[in-house]
Amino acid sequence: MDKFESMTVFVTVADEGGFSAAARRLGMPLATVSRKVTELEESLKLRLINRTTRWIALTEGGAAFLASARQILETLHEAERVATGEYAEPRGGLTITAPIVFGRLHVLPIVTEFLRAHPQVEIRLLLMDRVVNLLEEQIDLSVRIGELAESSLMAIRLGSIRQVVVASPAYLRAHGRPNHPDELIAHDGVVFATDGSGKAMTFRINHENRSVPVRSRLTVTTAEAAIDAAIADAGITQVRCYQVIDAIDRGKLELVLRSFETDDAPLSFVYPSGRLVPLKLRAFLDFAAPRIKARMRVF
């Protein structure tokens, strides 16, 4: 049995949702497709697919093996390309995930610049505020904010993200600059809360994080709205540092209460581990990492 061929057939059956569709895509007889999957199951001593005459479904073991099979086949194909000199420049598709706001502000500009430099690469950029399973969802690279759980993933540290407190210069001239978080109760607060009920901000006080009540005259459900309101002199708000770099550079907002900022959260690239990183991914890592680090400068 050619195990790599059988794995390719199994992955195609899973992708196409059935044996007949896989047979058409592969240009194989239906009986051959079925036999290849059966041989793979017998060699693994594991049922991969539950079959009926009308539908198929991956078993729990089949779903786990599918993720590994994809990685193995990608590594094999990449090794073949390198060995045969099929190409000397990056090409093919990359799927990248990033948090919604961070991705729009800081990943998308780098992606468009990378595409101009590498015309043989296509990128699918998924902006979402959830942690994805890279292998199960066929993701090549993810941008993550926060401590990384123990895993087999590779990681590149890009910088740190922290919560900052900002207000417009006009607001600070009119109302004064707070020197301690407890003074916020006397200021106009613009609170970002996804459930619309926030009345507090978090600070590092006496070596521990503490929730400090604020006089929230305006509560919004997106960071962008909080930032726009602060720029419009509506009050003091707390957001992530990367969201206000441009506004601070342009003098539209100023930092306050810096000595009470909470601990930084790491910013990282994560990608599946493997002895051979695809050329297209290596090229993007080399291109994007220093540019994101530069954007995450301390201000």
C-alpha atoms as a PDB file:
ATOM      1  CA  MET A   1       0.000   0.000   0.000  1.00  0.00           C
ATOM      2  CA  ASP A   2       1.194   3.506  -0.874  1.00  0.00           C
ATOM      3  CA  LYS A   3       0.365   5.167   2.443  1.00  0.00           C
ATOM      4  CA  PHE A   4       0.879   8.689   1.139  1.00  0.00           C
ATOM      5  CA  GLU A   5      -1.546   8.035  -1.721  1.00  0.00           C
ATOM      6  CA  SER A   6      -4.067   6.545   0.676  1.00  0.00           C
ATOM      7  CA  MET A   7      -3.734   9.577   2.956  1.00  0.00           C
ATOM      8  CA  THR A   8      -4.297  11.865  -0.030  1.00  0.00           C
ATOM      9  CA  VAL A   9      -7.441   9.937  -0.924  1.00  0.00           C
ATOM     10  CA  PHE A  10      -8.705  10.072   2.673  1.00  0.00           C
ATOM     11  CA  VAL A  11      -8.127  13.843   2.911  1.00  0.00           C
ATOM     12  CA  THR A  12      -9.933  14.343  -0.409  1.00  0.00           C
ATOM     13  CA  VAL A  13     -12.916  12.258   0.764  1.00  0.00           C
ATOM     14  CA  ALA A  14     -13.109  14.386   3.911  1.00  0.00           C
ATOM     15  CA  ASP A  15     -12.815  17.634   1.942  1.00  0.00           C
ATOM     16  CA  GLU A  16     -15.391  16.624  -0.660  1.00  0.00           C
ATOM     17  CA  GLY A  17     -17.802  15.123   1.844  1.00  0.00           C
ATOM     18  CA  GLY A  18     -18.152  11.812   0.076  1.00  0.00           C
ATOM     19  CA  PHE A  19     -16.488   9.035  -1.894  1.00  0.00           C
ATOM     20  CA  SER A  20     -18.139   9.791  -5.233  1.00  0.00           C
ATOM     21  CA  ALA A  21     -17.135  13.459  -5.159  1.00  0.00           C
ATOM     22  CA  ALA A  22     -13.584  12.490  -4.173  1.00  0.00           C
ATOM     23  CA  ALA A  23     -13.419   9.984  -7.018  1.00  0.00           C
ATOM     24  CA  ARG A  24     -14.429  12.679  -9.500  1.00  0.00           C
ATOM     25  CA  ARG A  25     -11.883  15.141  -8.147  1.00  0.00           C
ATOM     26  CA  LEU A  26      -9.065  12.582  -8.162  1.00  0.00           C
ATOM     27  CA  GLY A  27     -10.041  10.985 -11.473  1.00  0.00           C
ATOM     28  CA  MET A  28     -10.151   7.534  -9.827  1.00  0.00           C
ATOM     29  CA  PRO A  29     -12.766   4.800  -9.946  1.00  0.00           C
ATOM     30  CA  LEU A  30     -15.095   4.918  -6.974  1.00  0.00           C
ATOM     31  CA  ALA A  31     -14.104   1.407  -5.980  1.00  0.00           C
ATOM     32  CA  THR A  32     -10.438   2.420  -5.864  1.00  0.00           C
ATOM     33  CA  VAL A  33     -11.173   5.386  -3.600  1.00  0.00           C
ATOM     34  CA  SER A  34     -13.125   3.168  -1.217  1.00  0.00           C
ATOM     35  CA  ARG A  35     -10.389   0.518  -1.231  1.00  0.00           C
ATOM     36  CA  LYS A  36      -7.643   3.066  -0.490  1.00  0.00           C
ATOM     37  CA  VAL A  37      -9.484   4.367   2.557  1.00  0.00           C
ATOM     38  CA  THR A  38     -10.201   0.842   3.780  1.00  0.00           C
ATOM     39  CA  GLU A  39      -6.523  -0.125   3.409  1.00  0.00           C
ATOM     40  CA  LEU A  40      -5.520   2.963   5.394  1.00  0.00           C
ATOM     41  CA  GLU A  41      -7.967   2.093   8.153  1.00  0.00           C
ATOM     42  CA  GLU A  42      -6.658  -1.474   8.283  1.00  0.00           C
ATOM     43  CA  SER A  43      -3.043  -0.316   8.492  1.00  0.00           C
ATOM     44  CA  LEU A  44      -3.904   2.102  11.305  1.00  0.00           C
ATOM     45  CA  LYS A  45      -6.254  -0.373  13.001  1.00  0.00           C
ATOM     46  CA  LEU A  46      -8.651   2.550  13.301  1.00  0.00           C
ATOM     47  CA  ARG A  47     -11.988   3.361  11.694  1.00  0.00           C
ATOM     48  CA  LEU A  48     -11.655   6.803  10.117  1.00  0.00           C
ATOM     49  CA  ILE A  49     -15.061   7.242   8.489  1.00  0.00           C
ATOM     50  CA  ASN A  50     -18.546   6.036   9.348  1.00  0.00           C
ATOM     51  CA  ARG A  51     -20.351   5.243   6.091  1.00  0.00           C
ATOM     52  CA  THR A  52     -23.921   4.747   5.011  1.00  0.00           C
ATOM     53  CA  THR A  53     -25.366   4.676   1.512  1.00  0.00           C
ATOM     54  CA  ARG A  54     -26.333   8.360   1.855  1.00  0.00           C
ATOM     55  CA  TRP A  55     -23.711  10.091   4.004  1.00  0.00           C
ATOM     56  CA  ILE A  56     -20.295   9.865   5.614  1.00  0.00           C
ATOM     57  CA  ALA A  57     -19.009  11.228   8.919  1.00  0.00           C
ATOM     58  CA  LEU A  58     -15.509  11.272  10.354  1.00  0.00           C
ATOM     59  CA  THR A  59     -15.033   9.343  13.548  1.00  0.00           C
ATOM     60  CA  GLU A  60     -13.327  11.070  16.462  1.00  0.00           C
ATOM     61  CA  GLY A  61     -10.110   9.274  15.544  1.00  0.00           C
ATOM     62  CA  GLY A  62     -10.644  10.162  11.893  1.00  0.00           C
ATOM     63  CA  ALA A  63     -10.942  13.870  12.677  1.00  0.00           C
ATOM     64  CA  ALA A  64      -7.719  13.752  14.690  1.00  0.00           C
ATOM     65  CA  PHE A  65      -5.899  11.832  11.956  1.00  0.00           C
ATOM     66  CA  LEU A  66      -7.168  14.240   9.278  1.00  0.00           C
ATOM     67  CA  ALA A  67      -5.345  17.171  10.882  1.00  0.00           C
ATOM     68  CA  SER A  68      -2.101  15.196  11.088  1.00  0.00           C
ATOM     69  CA  ALA A  69      -2.487  13.873   7.549  1.00  0.00           C
ATOM     70  CA  ARG A  70      -2.833  17.380   6.143  1.00  0.00           C
ATOM     71  CA  GLN A  71       0.375  18.475   7.864  1.00  0.00           C
ATOM     72  CA  ILE A  72       2.281  15.381   6.722  1.00  0.00           C
ATOM     73  CA  LEU A  73       1.184  15.789   3.098  1.00  0.00           C
ATOM     74  CA  GLU A  74       1.998  19.504   3.083  1.00  0.00           C
ATOM     75  CA  THR A  75       5.483  18.767   4.437  1.00  0.00           C
ATOM     76  CA  LEU A  76       5.989  16.032   1.820  1.00  0.00           C
ATOM     77  CA  HIS A  77       4.869  18.256  -1.041  1.00  0.00           C
ATOM     78  CA  GLU A  78       7.077  21.089   0.152  1.00  0.00           C
ATOM     79  CA  ALA A  79      10.085  18.768   0.394  1.00  0.00           C
ATOM     80  CA  GLU A  80       9.455  17.547  -3.147  1.00  0.00           C
ATOM     81  CA  ARG A  81       9.296  21.113  -4.460  1.00  0.00           C
ATOM     82  CA  VAL A  82      12.537  22.073  -2.722  1.00  0.00           C
ATOM     83  CA  ALA A  83      14.346  18.910  -3.837  1.00  0.00           C
ATOM     84  CA  THR A  84      13.305  19.254  -7.471  1.00  0.00           C
ATOM     85  CA  GLY A  85      13.822  23.015  -7.597  1.00  0.00           C
ATOM     86  CA  GLU A  86      10.240  23.444  -8.738  1.00  0.00           C
ATOM     87  CA  TYR A  87      10.288  27.057  -7.662  1.00  0.00           C
ATOM     88  CA  ALA A  88      12.778  29.551  -6.295  1.00  0.00           C
ATOM     89  CA  GLU A  89      10.248  32.050  -5.004  1.00  0.00           C
ATOM     90  CA  PRO A  90       7.251  31.796  -2.649  1.00  0.00           C
ATOM     91  CA  ARG A  91       3.998  30.748  -4.245  1.00  0.00           C
ATOM     92  CA  GLY A  92       0.681  29.248  -3.276  1.00  0.00           C
ATOM     93  CA  GLY A  93      -1.959  30.051  -0.681  1.00  0.00           C
ATOM     94  CA  LEU A  94      -1.589  31.150   2.936  1.00  0.00           C
ATOM     95  CA  THR A  95      -4.390  31.344   5.489  1.00  0.00           C
ATOM     96  CA  ILE A  96      -3.730  33.771   8.347  1.00  0.00           C
ATOM     97  CA  THR A  97      -5.901  34.704  11.333  1.00  0.00           C
ATOM     98  CA  ALA A  98      -5.699  37.792  13.540  1.00  0.00           C
ATOM     99  CA  PRO A  99      -7.881  39.641  16.065  1.00  0.00           C
ATOM    100  CA  ILE A 100     -10.363  41.879  14.247  1.00  0.00           C
ATOM    101  CA  VAL A 101      -9.109  45.359  15.148  1.00  0.00           C
ATOM    102  CA  PHE A 102      -5.429  44.437  15.338  1.00  0.00           C
ATOM    103  CA  GLY A 103      -5.689  42.654  12.011  1.00  0.00           C
ATOM    104  CA  ARG A 104      -7.346  45.576  10.279  1.00  0.00           C
ATOM    105  CA  LEU A 105      -4.948  48.171  11.673  1.00  0.00           C
ATOM    106  CA  HIS A 106      -1.627  46.340  11.631  1.00  0.00           C
ATOM    107  CA  VAL A 107      -1.761  43.021   9.750  1.00  0.00           C
ATOM    108  CA  LEU A 108      -3.732  43.998   6.649  1.00  0.00           C
ATOM    109  CA  PRO A 109      -1.297  46.773   5.586  1.00  0.00           C
ATOM    110  CA  ILE A 110       1.610  44.321   5.868  1.00  0.00           C
ATOM    111  CA  VAL A 111      -0.292  41.639   3.959  1.00  0.00           C
ATOM    112  CA  THR A 112      -0.995  43.984   1.048  1.00  0.00           C
ATOM    113  CA  GLU A 113       2.656  45.044   0.985  1.00  0.00           C
ATOM    114  CA  PHE A 114       3.758  41.388   1.011  1.00  0.00           C
ATOM    115  CA  LEU A 115       1.432  40.536  -1.879  1.00  0.00           C
ATOM    116  CA  ARG A 116       2.964  43.310  -3.974  1.00  0.00           C
ATOM    117  CA  ALA A 117       6.425  41.876  -3.290  1.00  0.00           C
ATOM    118  CA  HIS A 118       5.385  38.250  -3.965  1.00  0.00           C
ATOM    119  CA  PRO A 119       2.958  38.048  -6.902  1.00  0.00           C
ATOM    120  CA  GLN A 120       2.796  34.230  -6.809  1.00  0.00           C
ATOM    121  CA  VAL A 121       1.265  34.127  -3.302  1.00  0.00           C
ATOM    122  CA  GLU A 122      -2.432  34.360  -2.402  1.00  0.00           C
ATOM    123  CA  ILE A 123      -3.506  35.126   1.183  1.00  0.00           C
ATOM    124  CA  ARG A 124      -6.789  34.501   2.979  1.00  0.00           C
ATOM    125  CA  LEU A 125      -6.870  36.811   6.019  1.00  0.00           C
ATOM    126  CA  LEU A 126      -9.471  35.789   8.609  1.00  0.00           C
ATOM    127  CA  LEU A 127     -10.194  38.502  11.183  1.00  0.00           C
ATOM    128  CA  MET A 128     -11.838  36.989  14.269  1.00  0.00           C
ATOM    129  CA  ASP A 129     -11.701  37.422  18.027  1.00  0.00           C
ATOM    130  CA  ARG A 130     -11.489  33.742  18.911  1.00  0.00           C
ATOM    131  CA  VAL A 131      -8.637  31.277  19.260  1.00  0.00           C
ATOM    132  CA  VAL A 132      -8.666  28.784  16.398  1.00  0.00           C
ATOM    133  CA  ASN A 133      -7.222  25.268  16.189  1.00  0.00           C
ATOM    134  CA  LEU A 134      -4.637  25.724  13.445  1.00  0.00           C
ATOM    135  CA  LEU A 135      -4.508  22.085  12.362  1.00  0.00           C
ATOM    136  CA  GLU A 136      -8.232  21.393  12.445  1.00  0.00           C
ATOM    137  CA  GLU A 137      -9.113  24.620  10.609  1.00  0.00           C
ATOM    138  CA  GLN A 138      -6.172  24.459   8.173  1.00  0.00           C
ATOM    139  CA  ILE A 139      -4.607  27.736   9.319  1.00  0.00           C
ATOM    140  CA  ASP A 140      -0.999  28.446   8.365  1.00  0.00           C
ATOM    141  CA  LEU A 141      -0.360  31.302  10.788  1.00  0.00           C
ATOM    142  CA  SER A 142      -2.163  33.072  13.619  1.00  0.00           C
ATOM    143  CA  VAL A 143      -1.555  36.381  15.382  1.00  0.00           C
ATOM    144  CA  ARG A 144      -2.325  35.962  19.081  1.00  0.00           C
ATOM    145  CA  ILE A 145      -2.543  38.423  21.966  1.00  0.00           C
ATOM    146  CA  GLY A 146      -2.044  36.928  25.427  1.00  0.00           C
ATOM    147  CA  GLU A 147      -0.121  34.155  27.123  1.00  0.00           C
ATOM    148  CA  LEU A 148       0.206  31.042  24.986  1.00  0.00           C
ATOM    149  CA  ALA A 149      -0.977  27.713  26.344  1.00  0.00           C
ATOM    150  CA  GLU A 150       1.422  24.782  26.313  1.00  0.00           C
ATOM    151  CA  SER A 151       1.206  23.221  22.862  1.00  0.00           C
ATOM    152  CA  SER A 152       3.193  21.841  19.967  1.00  0.00           C
ATOM    153  CA  LEU A 153       2.877  25.145  18.096  1.00  0.00           C
ATOM    154  CA  MET A 154       5.878  27.248  17.155  1.00  0.00           C
ATOM    155  CA  ALA A 155       5.818  30.862  18.334  1.00  0.00           C
ATOM    156  CA  ILE A 156       7.609  34.106  17.473  1.00  0.00           C
ATOM    157  CA  ARG A 157       7.331  36.932  20.015  1.00  0.00           C
ATOM    158  CA  LEU A 158       6.471  40.188  18.255  1.00  0.00           C
ATOM    159  CA  GLY A 159       6.050  42.581  21.153  1.00  0.00           C
ATOM    160  CA  SER A 160       3.717  43.454  23.988  1.00  0.00           C
ATOM    161  CA  ILE A 161       0.201  44.820  24.204  1.00  0.00           C
ATOM    162  CA  ARG A 162      -1.006  46.836  27.160  1.00  0.00           C
ATOM    163  CA  GLN A 163      -4.102  48.674  28.254  1.00  0.00           C
ATOM    164  CA  VAL A 164      -3.644  52.446  28.154  1.00  0.00           C
ATOM    165  CA  VAL A 165      -5.758  55.374  29.334  1.00  0.00           C
ATOM    166  CA  VAL A 166      -6.149  58.329  26.981  1.00  0.00           C
ATOM    167  CA  ALA A 167      -7.978  61.602  26.607  1.00  0.00           C
ATOM    168  CA  SER A 168      -7.900  64.484  24.173  1.00  0.00           C
ATOM    169  CA  PRO A 169      -5.644  67.485  24.871  1.00  0.00           C
ATOM    170  CA  ALA A 170      -8.726  69.733  24.917  1.00  0.00           C
ATOM    171  CA  TYR A 171     -10.461  67.581  27.525  1.00  0.00           C
ATOM    172  CA  LEU A 172      -7.369  67.563  29.757  1.00  0.00           C
ATOM    173  CA  ARG A 173      -7.008  71.337  29.490  1.00  0.00           C
ATOM    174  CA  ALA A 174     -10.636  71.800  30.488  1.00  0.00           C
ATOM    175  CA  HIS A 175     -10.862  69.175  33.271  1.00  0.00           C
ATOM    176  CA  GLY A 176      -7.295  68.631  34.440  1.00  0.00           C
ATOM    177  CA  ARG A 177      -5.038  65.588  34.275  1.00  0.00           C
ATOM    178  CA  PRO A 178      -5.760  62.803  36.828  1.00  0.00           C
ATOM    179  CA  ASN A 179      -2.766  61.673  38.879  1.00  0.00           C
ATOM    180  CA  HIS A 180      -4.339  58.568  40.438  1.00  0.00           C
ATOM    181  CA  PRO A 181      -7.061  56.164  39.191  1.00  0.00           C
ATOM    182  CA  ASP A 182      -9.276  57.056  42.166  1.00  0.00           C
ATOM    183  CA  GLU A 183      -9.569  60.559  40.717  1.00  0.00           C
ATOM    184  CA  LEU A 184     -11.461  59.210  37.697  1.00  0.00           C
ATOM    185  CA  ILE A 185     -14.699  59.303  39.657  1.00  0.00           C
ATOM    186  CA  ALA A 186     -14.596  63.079  39.201  1.00  0.00           C
ATOM    187  CA  HIS A 187     -13.972  62.835  35.429  1.00  0.00           C
ATOM    188  CA  ASP A 188     -16.141  62.033  32.440  1.00  0.00           C
ATOM    189  CA  GLY A 189     -15.515  58.412  31.505  1.00  0.00           C
ATOM    190  CA  VAL A 190     -15.986  56.756  28.128  1.00  0.00           C
ATOM    191  CA  VAL A 191     -16.228  53.055  28.901  1.00  0.00           C
ATOM    192  CA  PHE A 192     -15.803  50.283  26.336  1.00  0.00           C
ATOM    193  CA  ALA A 193     -17.903  47.284  27.384  1.00  0.00           C
ATOM    194  CA  THR A 194     -19.213  44.599  25.038  1.00  0.00           C
ATOM    195  CA  ASP A 195     -22.347  44.122  27.115  1.00  0.00           C
ATOM    196  CA  GLY A 196     -22.921  47.866  27.460  1.00  0.00           C
ATOM    197  CA  SER A 197     -22.852  47.802  31.269  1.00  0.00           C
ATOM    198  CA  GLY A 198     -19.269  48.746  32.136  1.00  0.00           C
ATOM    199  CA  LYS A 199     -18.706  51.293  34.897  1.00  0.00           C
ATOM    200  CA  ALA A 200     -15.066  50.588  35.782  1.00  0.00           C
ATOM    201  CA  MET A 201     -11.501  50.483  34.466  1.00  0.00           C
ATOM    202  CA  THR A 202      -8.675  48.187  35.556  1.00  0.00           C
ATOM    203  CA  PHE A 203      -5.334  49.436  36.908  1.00  0.00           C
ATOM    204  CA  ARG A 204      -2.197  48.074  38.583  1.00  0.00           C
ATOM    205  CA  ILE A 205      -2.251  49.513  42.105  1.00  0.00           C
ATOM    206  CA  ASN A 206       0.065  48.320  44.895  1.00  0.00           C
ATOM    207  CA  HIS A 207       1.280  45.381  42.782  1.00  0.00           C
ATOM    208  CA  GLU A 208      -2.163  44.006  41.996  1.00  0.00           C
ATOM    209  CA  ASN A 209      -4.848  44.617  39.409  1.00  0.00           C
ATOM    210  CA  ARG A 210      -7.779  46.583  40.770  1.00  0.00           C
ATOM    211  CA  SER A 211     -11.103  47.547  39.257  1.00  0.00           C
ATOM    212  CA  VAL A 212     -11.672  51.271  39.754  1.00  0.00           C
ATOM    213  CA  PRO A 213     -15.155  52.786  39.412  1.00  0.00           C
ATOM    214  CA  VAL A 214     -15.521  55.633  36.941  1.00  0.00           C
ATOM    215  CA  ARG A 215     -18.258  58.129  36.243  1.00  0.00           C
ATOM    216  CA  SER A 216     -19.269  56.694  32.920  1.00  0.00           C
ATOM    217  CA  ARG A 217     -21.157  59.351  31.031  1.00  0.00           C
ATOM    218  CA  LEU A 218     -20.862  57.304  27.846  1.00  0.00           C
ATOM    219  CA  THR A 219     -20.698  53.527  27.452  1.00  0.00           C
ATOM    220  CA  VAL A 220     -20.033  52.028  24.022  1.00  0.00           C
ATOM    221  CA  THR A 221     -19.662  48.502  22.707  1.00  0.00           C
ATOM    222  CA  THR A 222     -16.643  48.898  20.411  1.00  0.00           C
ATOM    223  CA  ALA A 223     -13.149  50.208  21.003  1.00  0.00           C
ATOM    224  CA  GLU A 224     -13.360  52.307  17.842  1.00  0.00           C
ATOM    225  CA  ALA A 225     -16.375  54.168  19.215  1.00  0.00           C
ATOM    226  CA  ALA A 226     -14.624  54.786  22.543  1.00  0.00           C
ATOM    227  CA  ILE A 227     -11.584  56.191  20.749  1.00  0.00           C
ATOM    228  CA  ASP A 228     -13.691  58.427  18.486  1.00  0.00           C
ATOM    229  CA  ALA A 229     -15.573  59.752  21.519  1.00  0.00           C
ATOM    230  CA  ALA A 230     -12.347  60.498  23.371  1.00  0.00           C
ATOM    231  CA  ILE A 231     -10.963  62.338  20.331  1.00  0.00           C
ATOM    232  CA  ALA A 232     -14.197  64.354  20.320  1.00  0.00           C
ATOM    233  CA  ASP A 233     -13.432  65.523  23.906  1.00  0.00           C
ATOM    234  CA  ALA A 234     -16.135  63.312  25.495  1.00  0.00           C
ATOM    235  CA  GLY A 235     -13.870  62.066  28.276  1.00  0.00           C
ATOM    236  CA  ILE A 236     -11.229  59.561  29.355  1.00  0.00           C
ATOM    237  CA  THR A 237     -11.174  56.020  27.991  1.00  0.00           C
ATOM    238  CA  GLN A 238      -9.131  52.821  28.366  1.00  0.00           C
ATOM    239  CA  VAL A 239      -8.243  50.752  25.293  1.00  0.00           C
ATOM    240  CA  ARG A 240      -5.380  48.643  23.988  1.00  0.00           C
ATOM    241  CA  CYS A 241      -2.246  50.512  23.012  1.00  0.00           C
ATOM    242  CA  TYR A 242      -2.173  49.392  19.378  1.00  0.00           C
ATOM    243  CA  GLN A 243      -5.617  50.910  18.831  1.00  0.00           C
ATOM    244  CA  VAL A 244      -4.465  54.473  19.571  1.00  0.00           C
ATOM    245  CA  ILE A 245      -0.898  54.621  18.210  1.00  0.00           C
ATOM    246  CA  ASP A 246      -1.992  56.739  15.247  1.00  0.00           C
ATOM    247  CA  ALA A 247      -4.170  59.082  17.303  1.00  0.00           C
ATOM    248  CA  ILE A 248      -1.325  59.687  19.768  1.00  0.00           C
ATOM    249  CA  ASP A 249       1.161  60.282  16.952  1.00  0.00           C
ATOM    250  CA  ARG A 250      -1.201  62.857  15.456  1.00  0.00           C
ATOM    251  CA  GLY A 251      -1.654  64.618  18.784  1.00  0.00           C
ATOM    252  CA  LYS A 252      -5.365  63.802  18.963  1.00  0.00           C
ATOM    253  CA  LEU A 253      -4.987  61.850  22.214  1.00  0.00           C
ATOM    254  CA  GLU A 254      -2.598  61.894  25.163  1.00  0.00           C
ATOM    255  CA  LEU A 255      -1.660  59.125  27.597  1.00  0.00           C
ATOM    256  CA  VAL A 256      -2.557  59.528  31.262  1.00  0.00           C
ATOM    257  CA  LEU A 257      -2.018  57.398  34.402  1.00  0.00           C
ATOM    258  CA  ARG A 258       0.914  55.577  32.809  1.00  0.00           C
ATOM    259  CA  SER A 259       2.390  54.417  36.121  1.00  0.00           C
ATOM    260  CA  PHE A 260      -0.804  52.469  36.851  1.00  0.00           C
ATOM    261  CA  GLU A 261      -1.005  50.482  33.602  1.00  0.00           C
ATOM    262  CA  THR A 262      -1.675  46.749  33.940  1.00  0.00           C
ATOM    263  CA  ASP A 263       0.908  44.138  32.942  1.00  0.00           C
ATOM    264  CA  ASP A 264       1.662  43.723  29.260  1.00  0.00           C
ATOM    265  CA  ALA A 265       0.169  40.854  27.265  1.00  0.00           C
ATOM    266  CA  PRO A 266       2.517  39.174  24.757  1.00  0.00           C
ATOM    267  CA  LEU A 267       1.890  39.499  21.024  1.00  0.00           C
ATOM    268  CA  SER A 268       2.996  36.475  18.986  1.00  0.00           C
ATOM    269  CA  PHE A 269       2.937  34.687  15.666  1.00  0.00           C
ATOM    270  CA  VAL A 270       2.033  31.009  16.119  1.00  0.00           C
ATOM    271  CA  TYR A 271       2.159  28.300  13.456  1.00  0.00           C
ATOM    272  CA  PRO A 272       2.193  24.491  13.318  1.00  0.00           C
ATOM    273  CA  SER A 273       5.481  22.867  14.212  1.00  0.00           C
ATOM    274  CA  GLY A 274       7.354  20.826  11.652  1.00  0.00           C
ATOM    275  CA  ARG A 275      10.848  20.170  10.485  1.00  0.00           C
ATOM    276  CA  LEU A 276      10.175  21.902   7.185  1.00  0.00           C
ATOM    277  CA  VAL A 277       8.373  25.245   7.150  1.00  0.00           C
ATOM    278  CA  PRO A 278       6.852  25.958   3.707  1.00  0.00           C
ATOM    279  CA  LEU A 279       8.735  28.576   1.704  1.00  0.00           C
ATOM    280  CA  LYS A 280       5.661  30.809   1.414  1.00  0.00           C
ATOM    281  CA  LEU A 281       5.265  30.817   5.230  1.00  0.00           C
ATOM    282  CA  ARG A 282       8.990  31.390   5.862  1.00  0.00           C
ATOM    283  CA  ALA A 283       8.890  34.327   3.473  1.00  0.00           C
ATOM    284  CA  PHE A 284       5.892  35.872   5.223  1.00  0.00           C
ATOM    285  CA  LEU A 285       7.407  35.383   8.686  1.00  0.00           C
ATOM    286  CA  ASP A 286      10.664  37.035   7.598  1.00  0.00           C
ATOM    287  CA  PHE A 287       8.743  39.884   5.951  1.00  0.00           C
ATOM    288  CA  ALA A 288       6.042  40.521   8.543  1.00  0.00           C
ATOM    289  CA  ALA A 289       7.734  39.961  11.898  1.00  0.00           C
ATOM    290  CA  PRO A 290      10.100  42.970  11.825  1.00  0.00           C
ATOM    291  CA  ARG A 291       7.355  45.216  10.445  1.00  0.00           C
ATOM    292  CA  ILE A 292       4.902  44.318  13.204  1.00  0.00           C
ATOM    293  CA  LYS A 293       7.654  44.747  15.801  1.00  0.00           C
ATOM    294  CA  ALA A 294       8.291  48.235  14.451  1.00  0.00           C
ATOM    295  CA  ARG A 295       4.588  49.067  14.669  1.00  0.00           C
ATOM    296  CA  MET A 296       4.509  47.887  18.285  1.00  0.00           C
ATOM    297  CA  ARG A 297       7.144  50.351  19.394  1.00  0.00           C
ATOM    298  CA  VAL A 298       6.923  51.706  22.912  1.00  0.00           C
ATOM    299  CA  PHE A 299       5.562  55.247  22.921  1.00  0.00           C
END
